Amino acid sequence: MLPQHIKEIFYKVLLRDMALEDFEEWLYENKKLEMVITSDDYLDLISLNYRKRGAEYELKKLLMKQLDPGEIETYELLGLLQKAKKQTPDLAFILMQFYDSYCDGYYFLDKLGLEYGLAVTVPLQIANSWDELSEKQQKDLLSSFSPKLEEEIERIITCLENKTIILTGETNDSARRFGYVDLRPHK
């Protein structure tokens, strides 16, 4: 079992939040990793040529052996939720991602996806697309979501952190829908 701080380094690499060069430097400086993974896996990591073409792909394969796909999905979704909560400049595009994720099977994102993500993707009462809106219209649309948006974001974060929604990292049917386990008492 990997310690959480090591998992987070691996997640950052997989999600491209950490450069290969930074990971390589961390790897050579970190002695604890050698004690928590097999010697073969450790040797694979330290012997990888991080500067060669295709190194990112090979590293991804090596790191995926160490992690649960559902935990990676959870880390990524929690990151998007935190960014949306802070209302970063890419909020509209994050909301669009929630809509796409809802359509791909994360039905617990129904409010974030359908009420907010779809409203941003296709702001029908104002324009045909987000790009057709003026900057003021974009700001007004996003601000109209408060405070309900922040409440829903916090609700989903709580469900993921308390593991009442558990992402499996797998697809659950022939339609290739994202899989998750929903343990909420009232859905």
C-alpha atoms as a PDB file:
ATOM      1  CA  MET A   1       0.000   0.000   0.000  1.00  0.00           C
ATOM      2  CA  LEU A   2       1.463   3.303  -1.097  1.00  0.00           C
ATOM      3  CA  PRO A   3       1.474   6.233   1.337  1.00  0.00           C
ATOM      4  CA  GLN A   4      -0.908   9.012   0.289  1.00  0.00           C
ATOM      5  CA  HIS A   5       1.856  11.568  -0.348  1.00  0.00           C
ATOM      6  CA  ILE A   6       3.485   9.209  -2.860  1.00  0.00           C
ATOM      7  CA  LYS A   7       0.146   8.473  -4.537  1.00  0.00           C
ATOM      8  CA  GLU A   8      -0.378  12.189  -4.955  1.00  0.00           C
ATOM      9  CA  ILE A   9       2.960  12.570  -6.731  1.00  0.00           C
ATOM     10  CA  PHE A  10       1.976   9.726  -9.061  1.00  0.00           C
ATOM     11  CA  TYR A  11      -1.455  11.320  -9.687  1.00  0.00           C
ATOM     12  CA  LYS A  12       0.168  14.632 -10.545  1.00  0.00           C
ATOM     13  CA  VAL A  13       2.401  12.957 -13.108  1.00  0.00           C
ATOM     14  CA  LEU A  14      -0.471  11.013 -14.650  1.00  0.00           C
ATOM     15  CA  LEU A  15      -2.633  14.120 -14.894  1.00  0.00           C
ATOM     16  CA  ARG A  16       0.284  16.165 -16.260  1.00  0.00           C
ATOM     17  CA  ASP A  17       0.368  18.456 -13.250  1.00  0.00           C
ATOM     18  CA  MET A  18       4.028  17.550 -12.717  1.00  0.00           C
ATOM     19  CA  ALA A  19       6.707  17.586 -15.397  1.00  0.00           C
ATOM     20  CA  LEU A  20       8.669  14.420 -16.142  1.00  0.00           C
ATOM     21  CA  GLU A  21      11.886  16.199 -15.193  1.00  0.00           C
ATOM     22  CA  ASP A  22      10.452  17.129 -11.795  1.00  0.00           C
ATOM     23  CA  PHE A  23       9.269  13.570 -11.217  1.00  0.00           C
ATOM     24  CA  GLU A  24      12.670  12.188 -12.169  1.00  0.00           C
ATOM     25  CA  GLU A  25      14.356  14.533  -9.707  1.00  0.00           C
ATOM     26  CA  TRP A  26      11.858  13.581  -6.974  1.00  0.00           C
ATOM     27  CA  LEU A  27      12.398   9.888  -7.718  1.00  0.00           C
ATOM     28  CA  TYR A  28      16.172  10.043  -7.259  1.00  0.00           C
ATOM     29  CA  GLU A  29      15.841  12.085  -4.065  1.00  0.00           C
ATOM     30  CA  ASN A  30      13.090   9.962  -2.509  1.00  0.00           C
ATOM     31  CA  LYS A  31      14.410   6.942  -0.653  1.00  0.00           C
ATOM     32  CA  LYS A  32      11.065   5.901   0.856  1.00  0.00           C
ATOM     33  CA  LEU A  33       9.645   4.781  -2.489  1.00  0.00           C
ATOM     34  CA  GLU A  34      12.162   1.964  -2.680  1.00  0.00           C
ATOM     35  CA  MET A  35      10.742   0.562   0.562  1.00  0.00           C
ATOM     36  CA  VAL A  36       7.076   0.609  -0.467  1.00  0.00           C
ATOM     37  CA  ILE A  37       7.125  -0.899  -3.969  1.00  0.00           C
ATOM     38  CA  THR A  38       8.730  -4.057  -5.267  1.00  0.00           C
ATOM     39  CA  SER A  39      12.400  -3.935  -6.165  1.00  0.00           C
ATOM     40  CA  ASP A  40      11.552  -4.777  -9.796  1.00  0.00           C
ATOM     41  CA  ASP A  41       9.064  -1.904 -10.027  1.00  0.00           C
ATOM     42  CA  TYR A  42      11.536   0.475  -8.402  1.00  0.00           C
ATOM     43  CA  LEU A  43      14.270  -0.619 -10.798  1.00  0.00           C
ATOM     44  CA  ASP A  44      11.909  -0.022 -13.737  1.00  0.00           C
ATOM     45  CA  LEU A  45      11.253   3.517 -12.518  1.00  0.00           C
ATOM     46  CA  ILE A  46      14.871   4.493 -11.899  1.00  0.00           C
ATOM     47  CA  SER A  47      16.160   2.891 -15.091  1.00  0.00           C
ATOM     48  CA  LEU A  48      13.627   4.624 -17.352  1.00  0.00           C
ATOM     49  CA  ASN A  49      15.230   7.159 -19.694  1.00  0.00           C
ATOM     50  CA  TYR A  50      13.029  10.168 -18.944  1.00  0.00           C
ATOM     51  CA  ARG A  51      14.430  12.161 -21.840  1.00  0.00           C
ATOM     52  CA  LYS A  52      13.676   9.688 -24.587  1.00  0.00           C
ATOM     53  CA  ARG A  53      10.698   9.907 -26.832  1.00  0.00           C
ATOM     54  CA  GLY A  54       7.784   7.925 -25.414  1.00  0.00           C
ATOM     55  CA  ALA A  55       9.040   8.188 -21.814  1.00  0.00           C
ATOM     56  CA  GLU A  56       5.748   9.711 -20.666  1.00  0.00           C
ATOM     57  CA  TYR A  57       3.791   6.749 -22.030  1.00  0.00           C
ATOM     58  CA  GLU A  58       6.158   4.227 -20.445  1.00  0.00           C
ATOM     59  CA  LEU A  59       6.092   6.038 -17.118  1.00  0.00           C
ATOM     60  CA  LYS A  60       2.290   6.086 -17.206  1.00  0.00           C
ATOM     61  CA  LYS A  61       2.250   2.290 -17.589  1.00  0.00           C
ATOM     62  CA  LEU A  62       4.663   1.887 -14.669  1.00  0.00           C
ATOM     63  CA  LEU A  63       2.708   4.213 -12.390  1.00  0.00           C
ATOM     64  CA  MET A  64      -0.655   2.674 -13.281  1.00  0.00           C
ATOM     65  CA  LYS A  65       0.632  -0.646 -11.925  1.00  0.00           C
ATOM     66  CA  GLN A  66       0.940   1.025  -8.519  1.00  0.00           C
ATOM     67  CA  LEU A  67      -2.437   2.773  -8.379  1.00  0.00           C
ATOM     68  CA  ASP A  68      -6.109   1.975  -8.341  1.00  0.00           C
ATOM     69  CA  PRO A  69      -7.840   3.483 -11.417  1.00  0.00           C
ATOM     70  CA  GLY A  70     -10.773   4.610  -9.285  1.00  0.00           C
ATOM     71  CA  GLU A  71      -8.477   6.564  -6.984  1.00  0.00           C
ATOM     72  CA  ILE A  72      -6.969   8.335  -9.985  1.00  0.00           C
ATOM     73  CA  GLU A  73     -10.432   9.259 -11.258  1.00  0.00           C
ATOM     74  CA  THR A  74     -11.404  10.485  -7.789  1.00  0.00           C
ATOM     75  CA  TYR A  75      -8.255  12.605  -7.483  1.00  0.00           C
ATOM     76  CA  GLU A  76      -8.896  14.147 -10.895  1.00  0.00           C
ATOM     77  CA  LEU A  77     -12.574  14.849 -10.213  1.00  0.00           C
ATOM     78  CA  LEU A  78     -11.834  16.315  -6.786  1.00  0.00           C
ATOM     79  CA  GLY A  79      -9.277  18.596  -8.442  1.00  0.00           C
ATOM     80  CA  LEU A  80     -11.887  19.839 -10.926  1.00  0.00           C
ATOM     81  CA  LEU A  81     -14.421  20.328  -8.140  1.00  0.00           C
ATOM     82  CA  GLN A  82     -11.917  22.342  -6.083  1.00  0.00           C
ATOM     83  CA  LYS A  83     -11.089  24.530  -9.099  1.00  0.00           C
ATOM     84  CA  ALA A  84     -14.812  25.069  -9.751  1.00  0.00           C
ATOM     85  CA  LYS A  85     -15.347  25.917  -6.087  1.00  0.00           C
ATOM     86  CA  LYS A  86     -12.643  28.600  -6.321  1.00  0.00           C
ATOM     87  CA  GLN A  87     -14.296  29.858  -9.521  1.00  0.00           C
ATOM     88  CA  THR A  88     -11.077  29.923 -11.494  1.00  0.00           C
ATOM     89  CA  PRO A  89     -11.143  31.595 -14.929  1.00  0.00           C
ATOM     90  CA  ASP A  90     -11.815  28.231 -16.582  1.00  0.00           C
ATOM     91  CA  LEU A  91     -15.018  27.641 -14.564  1.00  0.00           C
ATOM     92  CA  ALA A  92     -17.195  27.513 -17.679  1.00  0.00           C
ATOM     93  CA  PHE A  93     -15.048  24.805 -19.228  1.00  0.00           C
ATOM     94  CA  ILE A  94     -15.008  22.810 -15.991  1.00  0.00           C
ATOM     95  CA  LEU A  95     -18.805  22.961 -15.923  1.00  0.00           C
ATOM     96  CA  MET A  96     -18.812  21.701 -19.511  1.00  0.00           C
ATOM     97  CA  GLN A  97     -16.606  18.806 -18.368  1.00  0.00           C
ATOM     98  CA  PHE A  98     -19.155  17.998 -15.644  1.00  0.00           C
ATOM     99  CA  TYR A  99     -21.818  17.844 -18.350  1.00  0.00           C
ATOM    100  CA  ASP A 100     -19.653  15.523 -20.468  1.00  0.00           C
ATOM    101  CA  SER A 101     -18.913  13.326 -17.437  1.00  0.00           C
ATOM    102  CA  TYR A 102     -22.613  13.141 -16.620  1.00  0.00           C
ATOM    103  CA  CYS A 103     -23.325  12.061 -20.209  1.00  0.00           C
ATOM    104  CA  ASP A 104     -20.536   9.468 -19.934  1.00  0.00           C
ATOM    105  CA  GLY A 105     -22.174   7.815 -16.933  1.00  0.00           C
ATOM    106  CA  TYR A 106     -21.328   9.806 -13.813  1.00  0.00           C
ATOM    107  CA  TYR A 107     -25.017  10.338 -13.133  1.00  0.00           C
ATOM    108  CA  PHE A 108     -24.332  11.658  -9.642  1.00  0.00           C
ATOM    109  CA  LEU A 109     -23.155  14.820 -11.449  1.00  0.00           C
ATOM    110  CA  ASP A 110     -26.713  15.414 -12.621  1.00  0.00           C
ATOM    111  CA  LYS A 111     -27.105  18.881 -11.111  1.00  0.00           C
ATOM    112  CA  LEU A 112     -23.590  20.035 -11.987  1.00  0.00           C
ATOM    113  CA  GLY A 113     -23.855  18.599 -15.486  1.00  0.00           C
ATOM    114  CA  LEU A 114     -27.433  19.323 -16.459  1.00  0.00           C
ATOM    115  CA  GLU A 115     -28.235  22.506 -14.549  1.00  0.00           C
ATOM    116  CA  TYR A 116     -24.895  24.269 -14.920  1.00  0.00           C
ATOM    117  CA  GLY A 117     -22.730  22.479 -17.479  1.00  0.00           C
ATOM    118  CA  LEU A 118     -25.461  22.280 -20.092  1.00  0.00           C
ATOM    119  CA  ALA A 119     -26.511  25.883 -19.431  1.00  0.00           C
ATOM    120  CA  VAL A 120     -22.956  26.974 -20.209  1.00  0.00           C
ATOM    121  CA  THR A 121     -22.483  24.606 -23.152  1.00  0.00           C
ATOM    122  CA  VAL A 122     -25.684  25.748 -24.843  1.00  0.00           C
ATOM    123  CA  PRO A 123     -26.963  29.003 -23.303  1.00  0.00           C
ATOM    124  CA  LEU A 124     -30.126  28.808 -25.429  1.00  0.00           C
ATOM    125  CA  GLN A 125     -31.973  31.782 -24.012  1.00  0.00           C
ATOM    126  CA  ILE A 126     -29.033  34.068 -24.763  1.00  0.00           C
ATOM    127  CA  ALA A 127     -27.014  32.516 -27.609  1.00  0.00           C
ATOM    128  CA  ASN A 128     -26.289  29.223 -29.358  1.00  0.00           C
ATOM    129  CA  SER A 129     -22.951  28.627 -27.637  1.00  0.00           C
ATOM    130  CA  TRP A 130     -20.669  29.906 -24.888  1.00  0.00           C
ATOM    131  CA  ASP A 131     -18.373  31.478 -27.478  1.00  0.00           C
ATOM    132  CA  GLU A 132     -21.220  33.621 -28.855  1.00  0.00           C
ATOM    133  CA  LEU A 133     -21.754  35.300 -25.468  1.00  0.00           C
ATOM    134  CA  SER A 134     -20.157  38.622 -24.696  1.00  0.00           C
ATOM    135  CA  GLU A 135     -17.752  38.722 -21.758  1.00  0.00           C
ATOM    136  CA  LYS A 136     -20.430  40.432 -19.652  1.00  0.00           C
ATOM    137  CA  GLN A 137     -23.028  37.804 -20.589  1.00  0.00           C
ATOM    138  CA  GLN A 138     -20.569  35.052 -19.656  1.00  0.00           C
ATOM    139  CA  LYS A 139     -19.895  36.637 -16.252  1.00  0.00           C
ATOM    140  CA  ASP A 140     -23.588  37.233 -15.628  1.00  0.00           C
ATOM    141  CA  LEU A 141     -24.477  33.651 -16.516  1.00  0.00           C
ATOM    142  CA  LEU A 142     -21.816  32.213 -14.209  1.00  0.00           C
ATOM    143  CA  SER A 143     -22.731  34.542 -11.351  1.00  0.00           C
ATOM    144  CA  SER A 144     -26.408  33.568 -11.707  1.00  0.00           C
ATOM    145  CA  PHE A 145     -25.466  30.056 -10.557  1.00  0.00           C
ATOM    146  CA  SER A 146     -24.403  31.209  -7.075  1.00  0.00           C
ATOM    147  CA  PRO A 147     -24.872  30.107  -4.320  1.00  0.00           C
ATOM    148  CA  LYS A 148     -26.547  26.866  -5.509  1.00  0.00           C
ATOM    149  CA  LEU A 149     -23.510  25.906  -7.619  1.00  0.00           C
ATOM    150  CA  GLU A 150     -21.123  26.146  -4.677  1.00  0.00           C
ATOM    151  CA  GLU A 151     -23.517  24.126  -2.491  1.00  0.00           C
ATOM    152  CA  GLU A 152     -23.738  21.354  -5.081  1.00  0.00           C
ATOM    153  CA  ILE A 153     -19.957  21.302  -5.559  1.00  0.00           C
ATOM    154  CA  GLU A 154     -19.493  20.966  -1.806  1.00  0.00           C
ATOM    155  CA  ARG A 155     -22.085  18.172  -1.669  1.00  0.00           C
ATOM    156  CA  ILE A 156     -20.250  16.142  -4.331  1.00  0.00           C
ATOM    157  CA  ILE A 157     -16.849  16.769  -2.709  1.00  0.00           C
ATOM    158  CA  THR A 158     -18.258  15.483   0.590  1.00  0.00           C
ATOM    159  CA  CYS A 159     -19.678  12.364  -1.092  1.00  0.00           C
ATOM    160  CA  LEU A 160     -16.331  11.574  -2.730  1.00  0.00           C
ATOM    161  CA  GLU A 161     -14.300  12.252   0.414  1.00  0.00           C
ATOM    162  CA  ASN A 162     -16.679  10.268   2.642  1.00  0.00           C
ATOM    163  CA  LYS A 163     -16.782   7.486   0.056  1.00  0.00           C
ATOM    164  CA  THR A 164     -20.551   7.516  -0.299  1.00  0.00           C
ATOM    165  CA  ILE A 165     -19.735   7.775  -4.012  1.00  0.00           C
ATOM    166  CA  ILE A 166     -16.822   5.578  -5.049  1.00  0.00           C
ATOM    167  CA  LEU A 167     -15.404   5.871  -8.553  1.00  0.00           C
ATOM    168  CA  THR A 168     -14.240   2.531  -9.929  1.00  0.00           C
ATOM    169  CA  GLY A 169     -12.116   3.826 -12.795  1.00  0.00           C
ATOM    170  CA  GLU A 170     -13.783   1.273 -15.055  1.00  0.00           C
ATOM    171  CA  THR A 171     -16.584   1.334 -17.553  1.00  0.00           C
ATOM    172  CA  ASN A 172     -19.653  -0.531 -16.407  1.00  0.00           C
ATOM    173  CA  ASP A 173     -21.502  -1.591 -19.540  1.00  0.00           C
ATOM    174  CA  SER A 174     -21.325  -2.063 -23.286  1.00  0.00           C
ATOM    175  CA  ALA A 175     -22.094   1.631 -23.783  1.00  0.00           C
ATOM    176  CA  ARG A 176     -18.713   2.340 -22.124  1.00  0.00           C
ATOM    177  CA  ARG A 177     -20.244   4.343 -19.264  1.00  0.00           C
ATOM    178  CA  PHE A 178     -18.031   5.334 -16.325  1.00  0.00           C
ATOM    179  CA  GLY A 179     -18.518   3.090 -13.335  1.00  0.00           C
ATOM    180  CA  TYR A 180     -19.114   4.115  -9.746  1.00  0.00           C
ATOM    181  CA  VAL A 181     -20.721   2.804  -6.604  1.00  0.00           C
ATOM    182  CA  ASP A 182     -23.377   5.008  -5.053  1.00  0.00           C
ATOM    183  CA  LEU A 183     -23.818   4.439  -1.314  1.00  0.00           C
ATOM    184  CA  ARG A 184     -25.815   7.576  -0.572  1.00  0.00           C
ATOM    185  CA  PRO A 185     -28.892   6.817   1.498  1.00  0.00           C
ATOM    186  CA  HIS A 186     -31.201   9.108  -0.558  1.00  0.00           C
ATOM    187  CA  LYS A 187     -30.178   9.504  -4.144  1.00  0.00           C
END
